[in-house]
């Protein structure tokens, strides 16, 4: 079959993957169908084949794109399945943070269930807990993963300090209020001193955060966004969406007006039922307006 020979020659330099094989079969079938159409119009066999082949255009460009997509998907799957080994520094830091966390929990439990209350130990436990959280944050962010590059030490230290300050403020405020018997205002002052600056710094860090995503993850995210946008374009008709918005606005304005009228005329006890009716009408509107016609 000359169509198959012709297409095979075009793809002679390409790896015979499943995607390329399927693509070749589709092109061959379309080429043969187009040749038959030309012949049915009285065009000679050779000329019909030449015209059909000319109409295909540069299909190698499409094949290149198919190959790129396949390679990107393969690379993405490879990275998702791979595991980046934890460095010795990260392992040491996580171990130290876990030790602090256990020490803080043990001190708090022993003091709480002990016969004599030792409030300073609760403050020490709060400090140890906040330090452990800061270390967890720092070493977690500076460890490279399959999806993200490691964060620089300076920025990771800032995140760790923010996390530590937030937990320290919460811990000290709790001990101050529940154990030392101070008023709520004192606990709020402690929270303001530690937590408020931590929140401000955290917002600044998020706003100035550079990208740490690896290229394969960006490709996957871009593909998901593209698929999502295509789905919404296919599923939502702009005209229907505009119609639904106008009708919904009128429905709820009417519902509020009826609610107020019934409240004054009859009773506020039952007037709220109009909102349940409006909700049911809106669900019905969604079904009728956005229903796909077969």
Protein backbone atom coordinates (compact mmCIF):
# COMPACT_ATOMS: atom_id res chain seq x y z
CA UNK A 1 0.00 0.00 0.00
CA UNK A 2 1.70 3.15 -1.23
CA UNK A 3 0.09 5.41 1.37
CA UNK A 4 1.63 3.36 4.18
CA UNK A 5 5.03 3.29 2.44
CA UNK A 6 4.88 7.05 1.94
CA UNK A 7 4.04 7.74 5.61
CA UNK A 8 6.65 5.25 6.85
CA UNK A 9 9.33 7.08 4.88
CA UNK A 10 8.27 10.41 6.40
CA UNK A 11 8.69 8.93 9.87
CA UNK A 12 11.84 6.95 9.17
CA UNK A 13 13.95 9.09 11.54
CA UNK A 14 11.50 8.91 14.47
CA UNK A 15 11.49 6.46 17.33
CA UNK A 16 8.64 3.98 16.85
CA UNK A 17 6.72 4.78 20.03
CA UNK A 18 3.06 3.92 20.54
CA UNK A 19 2.05 7.57 20.03
CA UNK A 20 3.97 7.86 16.75
CA UNK A 21 2.58 4.51 15.57
CA UNK A 22 -1.00 5.61 16.25
CA UNK A 23 -0.32 8.93 14.57
CA UNK A 24 1.06 7.15 11.46
CA UNK A 25 -2.02 4.93 11.21
CA UNK A 26 -4.30 7.94 11.40
CA UNK A 27 -2.35 9.83 8.73
CA UNK A 28 -2.27 6.76 6.46
CA UNK A 29 -6.04 6.27 6.74
CA UNK A 30 -6.74 9.94 6.04
CA UNK A 31 -4.36 9.93 3.06
CA UNK A 32 -6.01 6.83 1.55
CA UNK A 33 -9.48 8.29 2.06
CA UNK A 34 -8.47 11.55 0.37
CA UNK A 35 -6.97 9.68 -2.59
CA UNK A 36 -10.26 7.80 -3.08
CA UNK A 37 -12.19 11.08 -3.02
CA UNK A 38 -10.01 12.56 -5.76
CA UNK A 39 -10.30 9.43 -7.88
CA UNK A 40 -14.09 9.48 -7.52
CA UNK A 41 -14.03 12.98 -9.05
CA UNK A 42 -12.33 11.68 -12.19
CA UNK A 43 -8.73 12.57 -11.29
CA UNK A 44 -6.02 10.14 -12.29
CA UNK A 45 -4.55 7.75 -9.77
CA UNK A 46 -1.07 9.29 -9.61
CA UNK A 47 -2.32 12.87 -9.59
CA UNK A 48 -4.85 12.01 -6.88
CA UNK A 49 -2.08 10.64 -4.70
CA UNK A 50 0.13 13.70 -5.28
CA UNK A 51 -2.72 16.10 -4.39
CA UNK A 52 -3.63 14.17 -1.25
CA UNK A 53 0.02 14.08 -0.16
CA UNK A 54 0.38 17.83 -0.77
CA UNK A 55 -2.67 18.52 1.39
CA UNK A 56 -1.06 16.83 4.38
CA UNK A 57 1.35 19.71 4.81
CA UNK A 58 4.31 19.48 7.16
CA UNK A 59 3.18 16.57 9.31
CA UNK A 60 6.73 16.13 10.64
CA UNK A 61 6.19 19.28 12.71
CA UNK A 62 3.19 17.61 14.34
CA UNK A 63 5.29 14.49 14.89
CA UNK A 64 7.97 16.59 16.58
CA UNK A 65 5.37 18.04 18.92
CA UNK A 66 4.03 14.56 19.66
CA UNK A 67 7.53 13.38 20.48
CA UNK A 68 8.16 16.36 22.79
CA UNK A 69 4.95 15.72 24.72
CA UNK A 70 5.85 12.09 25.11
CA UNK A 71 9.35 12.94 26.35
CA UNK A 72 8.02 15.52 28.82
CA UNK A 73 5.50 13.02 30.20
CA UNK A 74 8.20 10.36 30.52
CA UNK A 75 10.57 12.75 32.27
CA UNK A 76 7.81 13.89 34.61
CA UNK A 77 6.91 10.34 35.56
CA UNK A 78 10.59 9.55 36.13
CA UNK A 79 11.01 12.49 38.50
CA UNK A 80 7.77 11.77 40.34
CA UNK A 81 8.87 8.20 41.01
CA UNK A 82 12.43 9.15 41.97
CA UNK A 83 13.45 10.05 45.51
CA UNK A 84 16.06 12.64 46.38
CA UNK A 85 18.22 11.28 49.24
CA UNK A 86 18.15 13.22 52.49
CA UNK A 87 21.47 14.90 53.23
CA UNK A 88 23.38 14.26 56.44
CA UNK A 89 22.86 17.88 57.48
CA UNK A 90 19.10 17.57 57.09
CA UNK A 91 19.02 14.25 58.93
CA UNK A 92 21.06 15.75 61.80
CA UNK A 93 18.83 18.81 62.00
CA UNK A 94 15.61 16.80 61.96
CA UNK A 95 16.99 14.50 64.65
CA UNK A 96 17.92 17.47 66.86
CA UNK A 97 14.49 19.04 66.34
CA UNK A 98 12.79 15.75 67.23
CA UNK A 99 14.87 15.52 70.41
CA UNK A 100 13.83 19.05 71.42
CA UNK A 101 10.20 18.23 70.71
CA UNK A 102 10.29 15.08 72.84
CA UNK A 103 12.09 16.94 75.63
CA UNK A 104 9.50 19.72 75.57
CA UNK A 105 6.61 17.25 75.66
CA UNK A 106 8.21 15.18 78.43
CA UNK A 107 8.93 18.23 80.61
CA UNK A 108 5.39 19.53 80.18
CA UNK A 109 3.78 16.18 80.99
CA UNK A 110 5.98 15.53 84.04
CA UNK A 111 5.27 19.00 85.40
CA UNK A 112 1.55 18.77 84.68
CA UNK A 113 1.04 15.40 86.37
CA UNK A 114 3.59 16.03 89.13
CA UNK A 115 2.64 16.68 92.72
CA UNK A 116 4.08 20.20 92.70
CA UNK A 117 3.52 22.71 89.93
CA UNK A 118 6.70 24.14 88.42
CA UNK A 119 5.57 26.90 86.06
CA UNK A 120 9.09 27.81 84.77
CA UNK A 121 9.33 24.35 83.22
CA UNK A 122 6.26 25.12 81.10
CA UNK A 123 8.00 28.24 79.80
CA UNK A 124 11.07 26.15 79.00
CA UNK A 125 8.85 23.63 77.21
CA UNK A 126 7.32 26.44 75.14
CA UNK A 127 10.80 27.64 74.15
CA UNK A 128 11.93 24.12 73.22
CA UNK A 129 8.75 23.55 71.21
CA UNK A 130 9.20 26.77 69.25
CA UNK A 131 12.87 25.99 68.58
CA UNK A 132 11.95 22.51 67.32
CA UNK A 133 9.34 23.93 64.94
CA UNK A 134 11.86 26.45 63.62
CA UNK A 135 14.42 23.70 62.97
CA UNK A 136 11.84 21.51 61.25
CA UNK A 137 10.95 24.42 58.96
CA UNK A 138 14.55 25.35 58.17
CA UNK A 139 15.81 21.88 57.37
CA UNK A 140 12.63 20.95 55.52
CA UNK A 141 12.97 23.93 53.17
CA UNK A 142 16.72 23.50 52.58
CA UNK A 143 16.27 19.85 51.56
CA UNK A 144 15.90 19.31 47.83
CA UNK A 145 12.92 17.23 46.74
CA UNK A 146 11.84 15.60 43.48
CA UNK A 147 9.60 18.60 42.75
CA UNK A 148 11.48 21.58 44.25
CA UNK A 149 15.02 22.84 44.49
CA UNK A 150 16.46 23.52 47.95
CA UNK A 151 15.76 26.96 49.39
CA UNK A 152 18.70 29.23 50.20
CA UNK A 153 19.85 29.20 53.82
CA UNK A 154 19.05 32.87 54.45
CA UNK A 155 15.44 32.70 53.34
CA UNK A 156 14.93 29.33 55.01
CA UNK A 157 16.29 30.82 58.26
CA UNK A 158 13.72 33.62 57.98
CA UNK A 159 10.91 31.11 57.57
CA UNK A 160 12.25 29.12 60.51
CA UNK A 161 12.43 32.24 62.70
CA UNK A 162 8.87 33.20 61.74
CA UNK A 163 7.59 29.73 62.61
CA UNK A 164 9.53 29.68 65.87
CA UNK A 165 8.28 33.15 66.89
CA UNK A 166 4.68 32.20 66.16
CA UNK A 167 4.80 29.03 68.28
CA UNK A 168 6.74 30.81 71.03
CA UNK A 169 4.13 33.55 71.24
CA UNK A 170 1.28 31.04 71.38
CA UNK A 171 3.05 28.93 74.01
CA UNK A 172 4.06 31.81 76.28
CA UNK A 173 0.59 33.37 76.05
CA UNK A 174 -1.05 30.06 77.00
CA UNK A 175 1.22 29.56 80.01
CA UNK A 176 0.74 33.17 81.06
CA UNK A 177 -3.03 32.97 80.96
CA UNK A 178 -3.83 29.41 82.11
CA UNK A 179 -1.04 28.74 84.64
CA UNK A 180 0.23 32.05 85.93
CA UNK A 181 -3.29 33.43 86.19
CA UNK A 182 -2.65 36.66 84.33
CA UNK A 183 -5.52 38.47 82.68
CA UNK A 184 -6.39 38.03 79.01
CA UNK A 185 -4.84 41.41 78.22
CA UNK A 186 -1.40 40.16 79.29
CA UNK A 187 -1.73 37.10 77.07
CA UNK A 188 -2.80 39.29 74.15
CA UNK A 189 0.23 41.54 74.67
CA UNK A 190 2.53 38.51 74.54
CA UNK A 191 0.84 37.31 71.36
CA UNK A 192 1.13 40.76 69.80
CA UNK A 193 4.85 40.97 70.57
CA UNK A 194 5.66 37.64 68.93
CA UNK A 195 2.90 36.65 66.54
CA UNK A 196 2.07 39.96 64.83
CA UNK A 197 5.63 40.61 63.56
CA UNK A 198 5.88 36.95 62.55
CA UNK A 199 2.74 37.27 60.42
CA UNK A 200 4.04 40.44 58.74
CA UNK A 201 7.40 38.84 57.93
CA UNK A 202 5.66 35.69 56.69
CA UNK A 203 3.48 37.71 54.30
CA UNK A 204 6.57 39.53 53.02
CA UNK A 205 8.40 36.24 52.45
CA UNK A 206 5.46 34.79 50.54
CA UNK A 207 5.13 37.92 48.41
CA UNK A 208 8.82 37.82 47.43
CA UNK A 209 9.12 34.05 47.15
CA UNK A 210 11.12 33.00 44.04
CA UNK A 211 10.15 29.94 42.03
CA UNK A 212 11.75 26.70 43.21
CA UNK A 213 9.75 24.34 41.04
CA UNK A 214 11.72 22.04 38.80
CA UNK A 215 11.10 22.27 35.03
CA UNK A 216 9.20 19.00 34.79
CA UNK A 217 6.75 20.14 37.49
CA UNK A 218 6.14 23.43 35.66
CA UNK A 219 5.35 21.43 32.52
CA UNK A 220 2.84 19.28 34.41
CA UNK A 221 1.20 22.32 36.06
CA UNK A 222 0.96 24.19 32.74
CA UNK A 223 -0.60 21.12 31.14
CA UNK A 224 -3.17 20.80 33.94
CA UNK A 225 -4.06 24.49 33.65
CA UNK A 226 -4.44 24.14 29.88
CA UNK A 227 -6.66 21.09 30.28
CA UNK A 228 -8.76 22.86 32.91
CA UNK A 229 -9.24 25.94 30.72
CA UNK A 230 -10.16 23.75 27.74
CA UNK A 231 -12.68 21.86 29.90
CA UNK A 232 -14.35 25.06 31.06
CA UNK A 233 -14.44 26.45 27.53
CA UNK A 234 -16.15 23.30 26.32
CA UNK A 235 -18.52 22.95 29.26
CA UNK A 236 -19.58 26.56 29.86
CA UNK A 237 -21.29 28.61 27.17
CA UNK A 238 -20.67 32.35 27.79
CA UNK A 239 -24.20 33.21 26.64
CA UNK A 240 -25.72 30.67 29.02
CA UNK A 241 -23.46 31.88 31.84
CA UNK A 242 -24.58 35.49 31.30
CA UNK A 243 -28.22 34.42 31.20
CA UNK A 244 -27.79 32.43 34.40
CA UNK A 245 -26.13 35.41 36.14
CA UNK A 246 -28.95 37.80 35.21
CA UNK A 247 -31.67 35.36 36.24
CA UNK A 248 -29.91 34.51 39.51
CA UNK A 249 -29.54 38.18 40.39
CA UNK A 250 -33.22 38.81 39.75
CA UNK A 251 -34.21 35.69 41.68
CA UNK A 252 -32.32 36.63 44.85
CA UNK A 253 -33.31 40.30 44.75
CA UNK A 254 -36.93 39.15 44.52
CA UNK A 255 -36.38 36.66 47.35
CA UNK A 256 -35.00 39.39 49.65
CA UNK A 257 -37.91 41.69 48.80
CA UNK A 258 -40.46 38.95 49.48
CA UNK A 259 -38.66 38.04 52.73
CA UNK A 260 -38.93 41.61 54.03
CA UNK A 261 -42.55 41.93 52.89
CA UNK A 262 -43.63 38.65 54.51
CA UNK A 263 -41.73 39.57 57.67
CA UNK A 264 -43.66 42.77 58.15
CA UNK A 265 -47.03 41.54 56.87
CA UNK A 266 -47.21 37.99 58.23
CA UNK A 267 -44.36 36.83 60.48
CA UNK A 268 -40.56 36.83 60.55
CA UNK A 269 -40.72 33.31 61.93
CA UNK A 270 -41.68 31.80 58.58
CA UNK A 271 -40.55 34.40 56.06
CA UNK A 272 -37.04 32.87 55.81
CA UNK A 273 -38.57 29.86 54.03
CA UNK A 274 -38.57 31.96 50.85
CA UNK A 275 -34.78 31.50 50.68
CA UNK A 276 -35.17 27.72 50.61
CA UNK A 277 -37.62 28.10 47.75
CA UNK A 278 -35.21 30.43 45.91
CA UNK A 279 -32.37 27.93 46.37
CA UNK A 280 -34.51 25.15 44.90
CA UNK A 281 -35.39 27.39 41.93
CA UNK A 282 -31.72 28.17 41.33
CA UNK A 283 -30.79 24.48 41.31
CA UNK A 284 -33.56 23.92 38.76
CA UNK A 285 -32.19 26.83 36.70
CA UNK A 286 -28.72 25.28 36.68
CA UNK A 287 -30.16 22.00 35.43
CA UNK A 288 -32.22 23.62 32.68
CA UNK A 289 -29.71 26.22 31.44
CA UNK A 290 -26.52 24.17 31.48
CA UNK A 291 -28.03 20.86 30.44
CA UNK A 292 -26.12 19.32 27.57
CA UNK A 293 -28.30 18.62 24.56
CA UNK A 294 -27.68 15.24 22.95
